[in-house]
C-alpha atoms as a PDB file:
ATOM      1  CA  MET A   1     116.972  82.689  87.448  1.00  0.00           C
ATOM      2  CA  ASN A   2     115.840  79.869  85.224  1.00  0.00           C
ATOM      3  CA  ASN A   3     112.418  78.838  83.956  1.00  0.00           C
ATOM      4  CA  LYS A   4     111.747  76.157  86.591  1.00  0.00           C
ATOM      5  CA  GLN A   5     108.663  76.474  88.757  1.00  0.00           C
ATOM      6  CA  LYS A   6     109.165  79.294  91.232  1.00  0.00           C
ATOM      7  CA  THR A   7     107.535  79.946  94.583  1.00  0.00           C
ATOM      8  CA  ILE A   8     106.376  83.558  94.671  1.00  0.00           C
ATOM      9  CA  PHE A   9     105.712  85.240  98.039  1.00  0.00           C
ATOM     10  CA  LEU A  10     103.540  88.371  97.946  1.00  0.00           C
ATOM     11  CA  ASP A  11     102.115  90.686 100.564  1.00  0.00           C
ATOM     12  CA  ILE A  12      98.442  91.605 100.142  1.00  0.00           C
ATOM     13  CA  ASP A  13      97.792  95.174 101.306  1.00  0.00           C
ATOM     14  CA  GLY A  14      99.741  97.792  99.397  1.00  0.00           C
ATOM     15  CA  THR A  15     100.986  95.143  96.942  1.00  0.00           C
ATOM     16  CA  LEU A  16      97.854  93.457  95.562  1.00  0.00           C
ATOM     17  CA  PHE A  17      95.123  95.612  97.095  1.00  0.00           C
ATOM     18  CA  LYS A  18      95.262  99.359  97.725  1.00  0.00           C
ATOM     19  CA  HIS A  19      96.367  99.854 101.324  1.00  0.00           C
ATOM     20  CA  LYS A  20      93.516 101.142 103.517  1.00  0.00           C
ATOM     21  CA  GLY A  21      95.569 102.180 106.559  1.00  0.00           C
ATOM     22  CA  ASN A  22      94.134  99.886 109.225  1.00  0.00           C
ATOM     23  CA  LEU A  23      92.737  96.385 109.639  1.00  0.00           C
ATOM     24  CA  HIS A  24      89.151  97.504 110.237  1.00  0.00           C
ATOM     25  CA  ARG A  25      89.013  99.338 106.906  1.00  0.00           C
ATOM     26  CA  MET A  26      90.817  96.494 105.126  1.00  0.00           C
ATOM     27  CA  ILE A  27      88.140  93.989 106.086  1.00  0.00           C
ATOM     28  CA  THR A  28      85.016  96.194 106.014  1.00  0.00           C
ATOM     29  CA  GLU A  29      85.599  98.221 102.837  1.00  0.00           C
ATOM     30  CA  GLU A  30      85.593  96.829  99.323  1.00  0.00           C
ATOM     31  CA  PRO A  31      89.205  96.202  98.257  1.00  0.00           C
ATOM     32  CA  VAL A  32      90.674  97.935  95.225  1.00  0.00           C
ATOM     33  CA  VAL A  33      92.848  95.622  93.131  1.00  0.00           C
ATOM     34  CA  LEU A  34      96.000  97.386  91.977  1.00  0.00           C
ATOM     35  CA  ASP A  35      97.027  97.670  88.328  1.00  0.00           C
ATOM     36  CA  GLY A  36      98.367  94.537  86.712  1.00  0.00           C
ATOM     37  CA  VAL A  37      97.633  92.194  89.619  1.00  0.00           C
ATOM     38  CA  VAL A  38      95.081  89.891  87.979  1.00  0.00           C
ATOM     39  CA  GLU A  39      97.002  89.792  84.696  1.00  0.00           C
ATOM     40  CA  GLN A  40     100.260  88.971  86.493  1.00  0.00           C
ATOM     41  CA  PHE A  41      98.597  86.214  88.521  1.00  0.00           C
ATOM     42  CA  LEU A  42      97.123  84.696  85.362  1.00  0.00           C
ATOM     43  CA  GLN A  43     100.561  84.663  83.734  1.00  0.00           C
ATOM     44  CA  TRP A  44     102.227  83.158  86.798  1.00  0.00           C
ATOM     45  CA  ARG A  45      99.578  80.445  86.955  1.00  0.00           C
ATOM     46  CA  LYS A  46     100.051  79.736  83.247  1.00  0.00           C
ATOM     47  CA  ASP A  47     103.813  79.477  83.875  1.00  0.00           C
ATOM     48  CA  GLY A  48     103.178  76.945  86.657  1.00  0.00           C
ATOM     49  CA  HIS A  49     104.419  78.995  89.600  1.00  0.00           C
ATOM     50  CA  TYR A  50     103.341  78.425  93.218  1.00  0.00           C
ATOM     51  CA  ILE A  51     101.864  81.545  94.860  1.00  0.00           C
ATOM     52  CA  VAL A  52     102.091  82.184  98.605  1.00  0.00           C
ATOM     53  CA  LEU A  53     100.363  85.264  99.981  1.00  0.00           C
ATOM     54  CA  THR A  54     101.554  86.812 103.234  1.00  0.00           C
ATOM     55  CA  THR A  55      99.885  89.381 105.430  1.00  0.00           C
ATOM     56  CA  ALA A  56      99.876  91.018 108.830  1.00  0.00           C
ATOM     57  CA  ARG A  57      96.080  90.672 108.840  1.00  0.00           C
ATOM     58  CA  ALA A  58      94.941  88.741 111.907  1.00  0.00           C
ATOM     59  CA  GLU A  59      94.172  85.030 111.532  1.00  0.00           C
ATOM     60  CA  GLY A  60      90.596  85.803 112.612  1.00  0.00           C
ATOM     61  CA  THR A  61      90.078  87.654 109.312  1.00  0.00           C
ATOM     62  CA  ARG A  62      90.995  84.650 107.151  1.00  0.00           C
ATOM     63  CA  ARG A  63      87.489  84.000 105.755  1.00  0.00           C
ATOM     64  CA  ILE A  64      86.891  87.606 104.702  1.00  0.00           C
ATOM     65  CA  THR A  65      90.421  87.916 103.323  1.00  0.00           C
ATOM     66  CA  GLU A  66      90.054  84.756 101.240  1.00  0.00           C
ATOM     67  CA  ALA A  67      86.640  85.914  99.983  1.00  0.00           C
ATOM     68  CA  GLN A  68      88.078  89.315  99.011  1.00  0.00           C
ATOM     69  CA  LEU A  69      90.981  87.741  97.142  1.00  0.00           C
ATOM     70  CA  LEU A  70      89.009  85.084  95.307  1.00  0.00           C
ATOM     71  CA  GLY A  71      86.148  87.485  94.587  1.00  0.00           C
ATOM     72  CA  HIS A  72      88.582  89.718  92.714  1.00  0.00           C
ATOM     73  CA  GLY A  73      90.264  86.952  90.744  1.00  0.00           C
ATOM     74  CA  VAL A  74      93.367  86.793  92.932  1.00  0.00           C
ATOM     75  CA  PHE A  75      93.988  83.080  93.392  1.00  0.00           C
ATOM     76  CA  PHE A  76      96.781  81.553  95.441  1.00  0.00           C
ATOM     77  CA  ASP A  77      98.188  78.275  96.667  1.00  0.00           C
ATOM     78  CA  GLN A  78      98.791  79.239 100.290  1.00  0.00           C
ATOM     79  CA  LEU A  79      97.919  82.131 102.620  1.00  0.00           C
ATOM     80  CA  ILE A  80     100.105  82.932 105.631  1.00  0.00           C
ATOM     81  CA  MET A  81      98.427  85.322 108.078  1.00  0.00           C
ATOM     82  CA  GLY A  82      99.306  87.118 111.304  1.00  0.00           C
ATOM     83  CA  LEU A  83     102.858  88.137 110.383  1.00  0.00           C
ATOM     84  CA  SER A  84     104.419  91.245 111.860  1.00  0.00           C
ATOM     85  CA  ASN A  85     104.230  94.342 109.702  1.00  0.00           C
ATOM     86  CA  GLY A  86     108.021  94.707 109.888  1.00  0.00           C
ATOM     87  CA  PRO A  87     110.555  93.611 107.269  1.00  0.00           C
ATOM     88  CA  ARG A  88     110.308  90.094 105.852  1.00  0.00           C
ATOM     89  CA  ILE A  89     113.509  88.278 105.025  1.00  0.00           C
ATOM     90  CA  LEU A  90     113.839  85.284 102.706  1.00  0.00           C
ATOM     91  CA  ILE A  91     116.802  82.953 103.218  1.00  0.00           C
ATOM     92  CA  ASN A  92     117.434  80.007 100.911  1.00  0.00           C
ATOM     93  CA  ASP A  93     120.399  77.867  99.848  1.00  0.00           C
ATOM     94  CA  THR A  94     122.231  78.034  96.524  1.00  0.00           C
ATOM     95  CA  LYS A  95     121.993  74.900  94.360  1.00  0.00           C
ATOM     96  CA  PRO A  96     125.153  72.803  93.897  1.00  0.00           C
ATOM     97  CA  ASP A  97     125.356  74.009  90.276  1.00  0.00           C
ATOM     98  CA  GLY A  98     125.503  77.627  91.543  1.00  0.00           C
ATOM     99  CA  MET A  99     121.908  78.568  90.747  1.00  0.00           C
ATOM    100  CA  GLU A 100     120.693  81.314  93.084  1.00  0.00           C
ATOM    101  CA  THR A 101     117.416  80.336  94.754  1.00  0.00           C
ATOM    102  CA  ALA A 102     116.299  83.587  96.358  1.00  0.00           C
ATOM    103  CA  SER A 103     115.578  87.112  95.197  1.00  0.00           C
ATOM    104  CA  ALA A 104     113.461  89.991  96.448  1.00  0.00           C
ATOM    105  CA  HIS A 105     111.568  92.988  95.106  1.00  0.00           C
ATOM    106  CA  SER A 106     110.522  95.922  97.259  1.00  0.00           C
ATOM    107  CA  ILE A 107     107.921  98.035  95.482  1.00  0.00           C
ATOM    108  CA  LEU A 108     106.225 101.325  96.256  1.00  0.00           C
ATOM    109  CA  ARG A 109     103.051 100.931  98.311  1.00  0.00           C
ATOM    110  CA  ASP A 110     100.009 100.790  96.016  1.00  0.00           C
ATOM    111  CA  GLY A 111     102.297 100.753  92.957  1.00  0.00           C
ATOM    112  CA  GLY A 112     101.032  97.425  91.626  1.00  0.00           C
ATOM    113  CA  ILE A 113     103.065  94.473  90.397  1.00  0.00           C
ATOM    114  CA  SER A 114     102.839  94.806  86.620  1.00  0.00           C
ATOM    115  CA  GLU A 115     106.554  95.666  86.327  1.00  0.00           C
ATOM    116  CA  ILE A 116     107.800  92.677  88.341  1.00  0.00           C
ATOM    117  CA  GLU A 117     109.840  90.200  86.318  1.00  0.00           C
ATOM    118  CA  ILE A 118     110.698  86.867  87.880  1.00  0.00           C
END
């Protein structure tokens, strides 16, 4: 991919925060930010990328989720809530010049994102 602004989609629990196992624990216990998350977000912001967070957390937990994220230095441009906890599929078109416009990374739960290169 090239150096143009990218839109980065990230899950929250198990990707940015340590997964707690259930929604009640996710919203009542203090989140643990995984290794490299804040540093990676700072770099992506510096590079001008647009960050969209996705989660299966219920829409009714939006305020606490936003407070948790922002309180730990995890900033974002958009937050999409209430998704299923099943697979997420990204479909996008290829540019007329042949540039691919979609890629995906599946990482180990609670493994952090420090090794992700976009």
